[in-house]
Amino acid sequence: MVTTESAPTGWGTEQALFAALDDYIDTHDAAPDSLIEVLHRAQEMFGYLRQDVLVHVAKRLSLPEARVYGVATFYHLFSLKPRGKYEILVCMGTACYVRGAEALVNALEKQLDVEMGDTTADGLFTLSAARCIGACGIAPAMRIGNDVHGKVESKHVRRILRAYK
């Protein structure tokens, strides 16, 4: 099923995207056990895992749609909504939580005018939470793109975000 949503820059038309995804699926012989690899490629191509893309993958891999949706929603790296240019990943692990991660989330939500899991209106940031980002020694910590910021206090949020605008 092809929708009228626009394709991410650099991949071509919707039909070309689905054709390229089909080619990728064919390299895996449309094997059901290639689901995670196929979902990664689909997300890379479409920007996120839209419903029509999930249905297409399910049909091509001969899997129930519920199974494909279940995998797509289980793993943190998959998204069913468009993501911003930068993902802000706030660590909510024990060390970060007891050292102020909740206050950090509140400051980010206020500064960005979004709730956890949402993307800013300008498409620049997506605010997400993680169980742990492996930065316990510098808690509370957050990652923006590939950059880790540690010992972040609410008063630091505006300055940190400004560097990404």
N, C-alpha and C. Protein backbone atom coordinates (compact mmCIF):
# COMPACT_ATOMS: atom_id res chain seq x y z
N MET A 1 0.85 -1.18 0.00
CA MET A 1 0.00 0.00 0.00
C MET A 1 0.89 1.23 0.00
N VAL A 2 0.69 2.13 -0.89
CA VAL A 2 1.48 3.35 -1.00
C VAL A 2 0.63 4.52 -0.53
N THR A 3 1.20 5.33 0.36
CA THR A 3 0.47 6.48 0.86
C THR A 3 0.95 7.74 0.16
N THR A 4 0.29 8.83 0.50
CA THR A 4 0.68 10.11 -0.09
C THR A 4 1.70 10.84 0.78
N GLU A 5 2.12 10.23 1.91
CA GLU A 5 3.13 10.87 2.73
C GLU A 5 4.42 10.99 1.93
N SER A 6 5.13 12.06 2.17
CA SER A 6 6.35 12.26 1.41
C SER A 6 7.48 11.40 1.96
N ALA A 7 8.35 11.02 1.08
CA ALA A 7 9.49 10.19 1.44
C ALA A 7 10.62 11.07 1.95
N PRO A 8 11.48 10.53 2.84
CA PRO A 8 12.62 11.30 3.30
C PRO A 8 13.52 11.66 2.13
N THR A 9 14.17 12.79 2.24
CA THR A 9 15.05 13.27 1.18
C THR A 9 16.14 12.25 0.87
N GLY A 10 16.40 12.06 -0.40
CA GLY A 10 17.49 11.20 -0.82
C GLY A 10 17.08 9.78 -1.20
N TRP A 11 15.86 9.38 -0.89
CA TRP A 11 15.45 8.01 -1.20
C TRP A 11 14.53 7.93 -2.41
N GLY A 12 14.00 9.02 -2.88
CA GLY A 12 13.13 8.98 -4.05
C GLY A 12 11.67 8.96 -3.67
N THR A 13 10.85 8.51 -4.60
CA THR A 13 9.41 8.50 -4.40
C THR A 13 8.99 7.37 -3.48
N GLU A 14 7.73 7.44 -3.07
CA GLU A 14 7.16 6.37 -2.25
C GLU A 14 7.29 5.02 -2.94
N GLN A 15 6.94 4.98 -4.22
CA GLN A 15 7.01 3.71 -4.95
C GLN A 15 8.44 3.20 -5.01
N ALA A 16 9.39 4.11 -5.18
CA ALA A 16 10.79 3.71 -5.22
C ALA A 16 11.24 3.18 -3.85
N LEU A 17 10.73 3.80 -2.79
CA LEU A 17 11.06 3.33 -1.45
C LEU A 17 10.57 1.90 -1.22
N PHE A 18 9.31 1.65 -1.57
CA PHE A 18 8.77 0.31 -1.40
C PHE A 18 9.49 -0.70 -2.29
N ALA A 19 9.85 -0.29 -3.50
CA ALA A 19 10.59 -1.19 -4.39
C ALA A 19 11.96 -1.51 -3.81
N ALA A 20 12.63 -0.49 -3.27
CA ALA A 20 13.95 -0.71 -2.66
C ALA A 20 13.82 -1.59 -1.42
N LEU A 21 12.77 -1.40 -0.64
CA LEU A 21 12.55 -2.25 0.53
C LEU A 21 12.30 -3.69 0.09
N ASP A 22 11.52 -3.87 -0.96
CA ASP A 22 11.29 -5.21 -1.48
C ASP A 22 12.59 -5.87 -1.93
N ASP A 23 13.44 -5.10 -2.58
CA ASP A 23 14.75 -5.63 -3.00
C ASP A 23 15.55 -6.09 -1.79
N TYR A 24 15.52 -5.29 -0.73
CA TYR A 24 16.25 -5.65 0.49
C TYR A 24 15.66 -6.93 1.10
N ILE A 25 14.35 -7.00 1.15
CA ILE A 25 13.69 -8.21 1.68
C ILE A 25 14.08 -9.42 0.85
N ASP A 26 14.17 -9.25 -0.45
CA ASP A 26 14.55 -10.36 -1.32
C ASP A 26 15.98 -10.84 -1.05
N THR A 27 16.86 -9.93 -0.62
CA THR A 27 18.23 -10.36 -0.30
C THR A 27 18.23 -11.28 0.91
N HIS A 28 17.16 -11.25 1.68
CA HIS A 28 17.01 -12.14 2.83
C HIS A 28 16.05 -13.29 2.50
N ASP A 29 15.76 -13.47 1.24
CA ASP A 29 14.84 -14.51 0.77
C ASP A 29 13.47 -14.43 1.45
N ALA A 30 13.07 -13.21 1.82
CA ALA A 30 11.79 -12.97 2.49
C ALA A 30 11.60 -13.89 3.69
N ALA A 31 12.71 -14.18 4.38
CA ALA A 31 12.67 -15.08 5.53
C ALA A 31 12.09 -14.36 6.75
N PRO A 32 11.12 -14.98 7.41
CA PRO A 32 10.52 -14.36 8.60
C PRO A 32 11.54 -14.01 9.69
N ASP A 33 12.64 -14.77 9.77
CA ASP A 33 13.63 -14.48 10.81
C ASP A 33 14.50 -13.27 10.49
N SER A 34 14.26 -12.62 9.35
CA SER A 34 14.99 -11.40 9.01
C SER A 34 14.21 -10.15 9.43
N LEU A 35 13.15 -10.33 10.22
CA LEU A 35 12.26 -9.22 10.58
C LEU A 35 12.99 -8.02 11.15
N ILE A 36 13.86 -8.21 12.11
CA ILE A 36 14.52 -7.07 12.74
C ILE A 36 15.40 -6.32 11.74
N GLU A 37 16.15 -7.04 10.93
CA GLU A 37 16.98 -6.39 9.92
C GLU A 37 16.11 -5.60 8.93
N VAL A 38 15.00 -6.19 8.53
CA VAL A 38 14.10 -5.53 7.58
C VAL A 38 13.49 -4.28 8.21
N LEU A 39 13.08 -4.36 9.48
CA LEU A 39 12.52 -3.18 10.14
C LEU A 39 13.56 -2.07 10.28
N HIS A 40 14.80 -2.43 10.56
CA HIS A 40 15.87 -1.41 10.62
C HIS A 40 16.01 -0.71 9.28
N ARG A 41 16.04 -1.48 8.20
CA ARG A 41 16.18 -0.88 6.88
C ARG A 41 14.96 -0.03 6.54
N ALA A 42 13.78 -0.53 6.86
CA ALA A 42 12.55 0.23 6.56
C ALA A 42 12.56 1.57 7.30
N GLN A 43 12.96 1.54 8.56
CA GLN A 43 12.99 2.79 9.33
C GLN A 43 14.03 3.75 8.76
N GLU A 44 15.16 3.22 8.35
CA GLU A 44 16.20 4.06 7.74
C GLU A 44 15.66 4.71 6.46
N MET A 45 14.91 3.96 5.70
CA MET A 45 14.41 4.46 4.42
C MET A 45 13.24 5.43 4.58
N PHE A 46 12.28 5.10 5.44
CA PHE A 46 11.06 5.89 5.56
C PHE A 46 11.13 6.94 6.68
N GLY A 47 12.14 6.84 7.53
CA GLY A 47 12.28 7.79 8.64
C GLY A 47 11.67 7.30 9.93
N TYR A 48 10.65 6.47 9.82
CA TYR A 48 10.00 5.84 10.97
C TYR A 48 9.14 4.70 10.42
N LEU A 49 8.58 3.91 11.30
CA LEU A 49 7.81 2.74 10.86
C LEU A 49 6.32 3.08 10.84
N ARG A 50 5.88 3.56 9.69
CA ARG A 50 4.48 3.87 9.51
C ARG A 50 3.67 2.58 9.45
N GLN A 51 2.36 2.71 9.66
CA GLN A 51 1.49 1.54 9.64
C GLN A 51 1.52 0.84 8.29
N ASP A 52 1.48 1.59 7.21
CA ASP A 52 1.50 0.95 5.89
C ASP A 52 2.80 0.20 5.64
N VAL A 53 3.88 0.69 6.20
CA VAL A 53 5.17 0.00 6.06
C VAL A 53 5.16 -1.29 6.86
N LEU A 54 4.62 -1.25 8.07
CA LEU A 54 4.53 -2.46 8.90
C LEU A 54 3.66 -3.53 8.23
N VAL A 55 2.55 -3.11 7.65
CA VAL A 55 1.67 -4.04 6.94
C VAL A 55 2.40 -4.65 5.74
N HIS A 56 3.11 -3.82 5.01
CA HIS A 56 3.87 -4.29 3.85
C HIS A 56 4.91 -5.33 4.26
N VAL A 57 5.65 -5.03 5.31
CA VAL A 57 6.68 -5.96 5.80
C VAL A 57 6.04 -7.28 6.24
N ALA A 58 4.92 -7.19 6.95
CA ALA A 58 4.23 -8.41 7.40
C ALA A 58 3.85 -9.28 6.21
N LYS A 59 3.29 -8.67 5.19
CA LYS A 59 2.87 -9.44 4.01
C LYS A 59 4.07 -10.07 3.30
N ARG A 60 5.12 -9.27 3.12
CA ARG A 60 6.30 -9.77 2.39
C ARG A 60 7.02 -10.88 3.15
N LEU A 61 7.00 -10.83 4.50
CA LEU A 61 7.68 -11.86 5.29
C LEU A 61 6.73 -12.97 5.74
N SER A 62 5.48 -12.90 5.28
CA SER A 62 4.45 -13.88 5.64
C SER A 62 4.33 -14.03 7.16
N LEU A 63 4.25 -12.90 7.82
CA LEU A 63 4.10 -12.86 9.28
C LEU A 63 2.79 -12.17 9.64
N PRO A 64 2.21 -12.52 10.78
CA PRO A 64 1.03 -11.79 11.23
C PRO A 64 1.40 -10.33 11.52
N GLU A 65 0.50 -9.42 11.18
CA GLU A 65 0.76 -8.00 11.45
C GLU A 65 1.03 -7.76 12.93
N ALA A 66 0.34 -8.49 13.80
CA ALA A 66 0.53 -8.32 15.24
C ALA A 66 1.96 -8.65 15.65
N ARG A 67 2.57 -9.62 15.02
CA ARG A 67 3.95 -9.99 15.34
C ARG A 67 4.90 -8.87 14.93
N VAL A 68 4.70 -8.32 13.75
CA VAL A 68 5.56 -7.24 13.25
C VAL A 68 5.39 -6.01 14.15
N TYR A 69 4.16 -5.67 14.47
CA TYR A 69 3.89 -4.53 15.36
C TYR A 69 4.52 -4.77 16.74
N GLY A 70 4.40 -5.98 17.25
CA GLY A 70 4.97 -6.31 18.56
C GLY A 70 6.47 -6.12 18.60
N VAL A 71 7.16 -6.54 17.57
CA VAL A 71 8.61 -6.35 17.51
C VAL A 71 8.94 -4.87 17.37
N ALA A 72 8.20 -4.16 16.54
CA ALA A 72 8.45 -2.73 16.31
C ALA A 72 8.24 -1.91 17.58
N THR A 73 7.32 -2.33 18.43
CA THR A 73 7.06 -1.57 19.66
C THR A 73 7.90 -2.05 20.83
N PHE A 74 8.47 -3.24 20.74
CA PHE A 74 9.27 -3.77 21.84
C PHE A 74 10.64 -3.11 21.92
N TYR A 75 11.28 -2.93 20.79
CA TYR A 75 12.65 -2.40 20.77
C TYR A 75 12.66 -0.88 20.71
N HIS A 76 13.46 -0.29 21.58
CA HIS A 76 13.55 1.16 21.72
C HIS A 76 14.01 1.85 20.42
N LEU A 77 14.83 1.21 19.66
CA LEU A 77 15.38 1.86 18.47
C LEU A 77 14.37 2.04 17.34
N PHE A 78 13.24 1.36 17.43
CA PHE A 78 12.21 1.53 16.42
C PHE A 78 11.24 2.61 16.86
N SER A 79 10.73 3.35 15.89
CA SER A 79 9.78 4.42 16.19
C SER A 79 8.59 4.34 15.24
N LEU A 80 7.39 4.49 15.81
CA LEU A 80 6.18 4.51 15.01
C LEU A 80 5.74 5.93 14.68
N LYS A 81 6.52 6.90 15.15
CA LYS A 81 6.24 8.31 14.88
C LYS A 81 7.51 8.95 14.33
N PRO A 82 7.35 10.02 13.54
CA PRO A 82 8.55 10.71 13.05
C PRO A 82 9.39 11.20 14.22
N ARG A 83 10.69 11.12 14.06
CA ARG A 83 11.61 11.60 15.09
C ARG A 83 12.29 12.87 14.62
N GLY A 84 12.74 13.62 15.60
CA GLY A 84 13.44 14.86 15.29
C GLY A 84 14.85 14.60 14.78
N LYS A 85 15.48 15.66 14.35
CA LYS A 85 16.86 15.57 13.87
C LYS A 85 17.75 15.02 14.97
N TYR A 86 17.49 15.44 16.21
CA TYR A 86 18.26 14.97 17.36
C TYR A 86 17.32 14.28 18.34
N GLU A 87 17.71 13.09 18.78
CA GLU A 87 16.96 12.43 19.83
C GLU A 87 17.64 12.73 21.16
N ILE A 88 16.86 13.24 22.09
CA ILE A 88 17.35 13.46 23.45
C ILE A 88 16.92 12.26 24.25
N LEU A 89 17.89 11.50 24.71
CA LEU A 89 17.62 10.28 25.45
C LEU A 89 18.03 10.50 26.90
N VAL A 90 17.04 10.60 27.78
CA VAL A 90 17.31 10.85 29.20
C VAL A 90 17.38 9.51 29.92
N CYS A 91 18.47 9.30 30.63
CA CYS A 91 18.64 8.07 31.39
C CYS A 91 17.73 8.10 32.62
N MET A 92 16.94 7.04 32.77
CA MET A 92 16.06 6.93 33.93
C MET A 92 16.48 5.76 34.83
N GLY A 93 17.71 5.30 34.65
CA GLY A 93 18.24 4.24 35.51
C GLY A 93 18.32 4.70 36.95
N THR A 94 18.55 3.78 37.85
CA THR A 94 18.54 4.08 39.28
C THR A 94 19.47 5.23 39.65
N ALA A 95 20.72 5.18 39.22
CA ALA A 95 21.68 6.23 39.58
C ALA A 95 21.21 7.60 39.09
N CYS A 96 20.76 7.65 37.84
CA CYS A 96 20.30 8.92 37.28
C CYS A 96 19.01 9.38 37.95
N TYR A 97 18.12 8.44 38.20
CA TYR A 97 16.84 8.80 38.80
C TYR A 97 17.03 9.42 40.18
N VAL A 98 17.83 8.79 41.02
CA VAL A 98 18.01 9.32 42.38
C VAL A 98 18.83 10.60 42.40
N ARG A 99 19.53 10.90 41.32
CA ARG A 99 20.32 12.13 41.24
C ARG A 99 19.64 13.23 40.44
N GLY A 100 18.35 13.04 40.11
CA GLY A 100 17.61 14.16 39.54
C GLY A 100 17.11 14.01 38.11
N ALA A 101 17.04 12.82 37.59
CA ALA A 101 16.57 12.65 36.20
C ALA A 101 15.15 13.15 36.01
N GLU A 102 14.30 12.98 37.01
CA GLU A 102 12.92 13.44 36.87
C GLU A 102 12.86 14.97 36.71
N ALA A 103 13.65 15.68 37.48
CA ALA A 103 13.70 17.14 37.34
C ALA A 103 14.26 17.54 35.97
N LEU A 104 15.23 16.76 35.49
CA LEU A 104 15.80 17.01 34.18
C LEU A 104 14.74 16.84 33.09
N VAL A 105 13.95 15.78 33.19
CA VAL A 105 12.88 15.54 32.22
C VAL A 105 11.88 16.70 32.26
N ASN A 106 11.50 17.13 33.45
CA ASN A 106 10.56 18.25 33.58
C ASN A 106 11.10 19.51 32.92
N ALA A 107 12.38 19.78 33.12
CA ALA A 107 13.00 20.97 32.51
C ALA A 107 13.04 20.86 30.99
N LEU A 108 13.35 19.67 30.48
CA LEU A 108 13.38 19.47 29.04
C LEU A 108 11.99 19.60 28.44
N GLU A 109 10.99 19.01 29.08
CA GLU A 109 9.61 19.12 28.58
C GLU A 109 9.17 20.58 28.54
N LYS A 110 9.52 21.33 29.56
CA LYS A 110 9.14 22.75 29.61
C LYS A 110 9.88 23.55 28.54
N GLN A 111 11.18 23.35 28.44
CA GLN A 111 11.98 24.10 27.48
C GLN A 111 11.60 23.78 26.04
N LEU A 112 11.31 22.52 25.76
CA LEU A 112 10.99 22.09 24.40
C LEU A 112 9.51 22.17 24.07
N ASP A 113 8.68 22.34 25.09
CA ASP A 113 7.23 22.37 24.94
C ASP A 113 6.71 21.06 24.31
N VAL A 114 7.21 19.94 24.84
CA VAL A 114 6.77 18.61 24.43
C VAL A 114 6.66 17.73 25.67
N GLU A 115 6.01 16.60 25.51
CA GLU A 115 5.98 15.59 26.55
C GLU A 115 6.92 14.47 26.14
N MET A 116 7.28 13.64 27.11
CA MET A 116 8.15 12.51 26.85
C MET A 116 7.58 11.68 25.70
N GLY A 117 8.43 11.36 24.73
CA GLY A 117 8.02 10.56 23.58
C GLY A 117 7.61 11.37 22.37
N ASP A 118 7.53 12.69 22.53
CA ASP A 118 7.08 13.55 21.42
C ASP A 118 8.25 14.27 20.76
N THR A 119 7.95 14.84 19.60
CA THR A 119 8.92 15.59 18.81
C THR A 119 8.49 17.05 18.78
N THR A 120 9.47 17.94 18.84
CA THR A 120 9.17 19.37 18.81
C THR A 120 8.53 19.74 17.48
N ALA A 121 7.76 20.82 17.51
CA ALA A 121 7.03 21.28 16.32
C ALA A 121 7.96 21.57 15.15
N ASP A 122 9.19 22.02 15.44
CA ASP A 122 10.13 22.33 14.37
C ASP A 122 10.87 21.08 13.86
N GLY A 123 10.59 19.92 14.46
CA GLY A 123 11.20 18.68 14.02
C GLY A 123 12.66 18.53 14.41
N LEU A 124 13.12 19.36 15.32
CA LEU A 124 14.53 19.33 15.70
C LEU A 124 14.84 18.28 16.77
N PHE A 125 13.97 18.17 17.78
CA PHE A 125 14.25 17.27 18.91
C PHE A 125 13.11 16.30 19.16
N THR A 126 13.47 15.07 19.53
CA THR A 126 12.53 14.09 20.06
C THR A 126 13.01 13.75 21.45
N LEU A 127 12.11 13.81 22.43
CA LEU A 127 12.45 13.55 23.82
C LEU A 127 12.06 12.11 24.17
N SER A 128 13.04 11.34 24.59
CA SER A 128 12.82 9.92 24.93
C SER A 128 13.50 9.59 26.24
N ALA A 129 13.08 8.47 26.83
CA ALA A 129 13.69 7.97 28.06
C ALA A 129 14.30 6.62 27.80
N ALA A 130 15.34 6.30 28.55
CA ALA A 130 15.99 4.99 28.46
C ALA A 130 16.17 4.44 29.85
N ARG A 131 16.16 3.12 29.94
CA ARG A 131 16.37 2.48 31.24
C ARG A 131 17.77 2.78 31.75
N CYS A 132 18.74 2.81 30.86
CA CYS A 132 20.12 3.10 31.25
C CYS A 132 20.91 3.42 29.99
N ILE A 133 21.78 4.43 30.07
CA ILE A 133 22.65 4.73 28.93
C ILE A 133 24.11 4.42 29.27
N GLY A 134 24.33 3.81 30.44
CA GLY A 134 25.68 3.39 30.81
C GLY A 134 26.57 4.54 31.25
N ALA A 135 25.99 5.56 31.84
CA ALA A 135 26.77 6.71 32.29
C ALA A 135 26.51 6.98 33.77
N CYS A 136 26.42 5.93 34.55
CA CYS A 136 26.04 6.05 35.96
C CYS A 136 26.97 6.96 36.76
N GLY A 137 28.23 6.97 36.41
CA GLY A 137 29.21 7.78 37.14
C GLY A 137 29.02 9.28 36.95
N ILE A 138 28.27 9.67 35.94
CA ILE A 138 28.05 11.11 35.69
C ILE A 138 26.56 11.44 35.74
N ALA A 139 25.83 10.69 36.55
CA ALA A 139 24.38 10.87 36.68
C ALA A 139 24.04 12.22 37.29
N PRO A 140 22.91 12.80 36.90
CA PRO A 140 21.99 12.36 35.85
C PRO A 140 22.57 12.68 34.47
N ALA A 141 22.31 11.77 33.55
CA ALA A 141 22.91 11.90 32.22
C ALA A 141 21.84 11.84 31.14
N MET A 142 22.19 12.43 30.01
CA MET A 142 21.34 12.36 28.83
C MET A 142 22.23 12.31 27.61
N ARG A 143 21.68 11.78 26.54
CA ARG A 143 22.42 11.72 25.27
C ARG A 143 21.62 12.49 24.24
N ILE A 144 22.30 13.34 23.51
CA ILE A 144 21.69 14.06 22.39
C ILE A 144 22.48 13.64 21.16
N GLY A 145 21.80 12.93 20.26
CA GLY A 145 22.53 12.35 19.13
C GLY A 145 23.54 11.38 19.68
N ASN A 146 24.82 11.60 19.39
CA ASN A 146 25.88 10.74 19.90
C ASN A 146 26.63 11.36 21.07
N ASP A 147 26.20 12.54 21.50
CA ASP A 147 26.89 13.26 22.59
C ASP A 147 26.25 12.93 23.93
N VAL A 148 27.08 12.54 24.90
CA VAL A 148 26.59 12.27 26.25
C VAL A 148 26.88 13.49 27.12
N HIS A 149 25.86 13.92 27.85
CA HIS A 149 25.99 15.04 28.77
C HIS A 149 25.76 14.51 30.17
N GLY A 150 26.68 14.77 31.07
CA GLY A 150 26.57 14.25 32.42
C GLY A 150 26.46 15.32 33.47
N LYS A 151 25.98 14.89 34.65
CA LYS A 151 25.76 15.78 35.79
C LYS A 151 24.92 16.98 35.38
N VAL A 152 23.90 16.69 34.60
CA VAL A 152 23.05 17.75 34.04
C VAL A 152 22.01 18.18 35.07
N GLU A 153 21.98 19.46 35.32
CA GLU A 153 20.97 20.05 36.20
C GLU A 153 19.99 20.83 35.33
N SER A 154 18.82 21.06 35.87
CA SER A 154 17.78 21.79 35.12
C SER A 154 18.30 23.11 34.58
N LYS A 155 19.13 23.80 35.34
CA LYS A 155 19.63 25.10 34.91
C LYS A 155 20.57 25.01 33.71
N HIS A 156 21.04 23.81 33.36
CA HIS A 156 21.95 23.62 32.22
C HIS A 156 21.21 23.36 30.91
N VAL A 157 19.94 23.03 30.99
CA VAL A 157 19.18 22.57 29.83
C VAL A 157 19.18 23.59 28.69
N ARG A 158 18.86 24.83 28.95
CA ARG A 158 18.78 25.85 27.90
C ARG A 158 20.12 25.98 27.16
N ARG A 159 21.21 26.03 27.90
CA ARG A 159 22.54 26.18 27.28
C ARG A 159 22.88 24.96 26.43
N ILE A 160 22.60 23.76 26.92
CA ILE A 160 22.91 22.54 26.17
C ILE A 160 22.10 22.49 24.87
N LEU A 161 20.81 22.79 24.95
CA LEU A 161 19.97 22.74 23.76
C LEU A 161 20.37 23.77 22.72
N ARG A 162 20.79 24.92 23.18
CA ARG A 162 21.20 25.99 22.27
C ARG A 162 22.31 25.54 21.33
N ALA A 163 23.18 24.65 21.81
CA ALA A 163 24.30 24.17 21.00
C ALA A 163 23.85 23.33 19.81
N TYR A 164 22.60 22.84 19.84
CA TYR A 164 22.09 21.98 18.76
C TYR A 164 21.16 22.72 17.81
N LYS A 165 20.90 23.98 18.07
CA LYS A 165 19.98 24.72 17.21
C LYS A 165 20.71 25.43 16.10
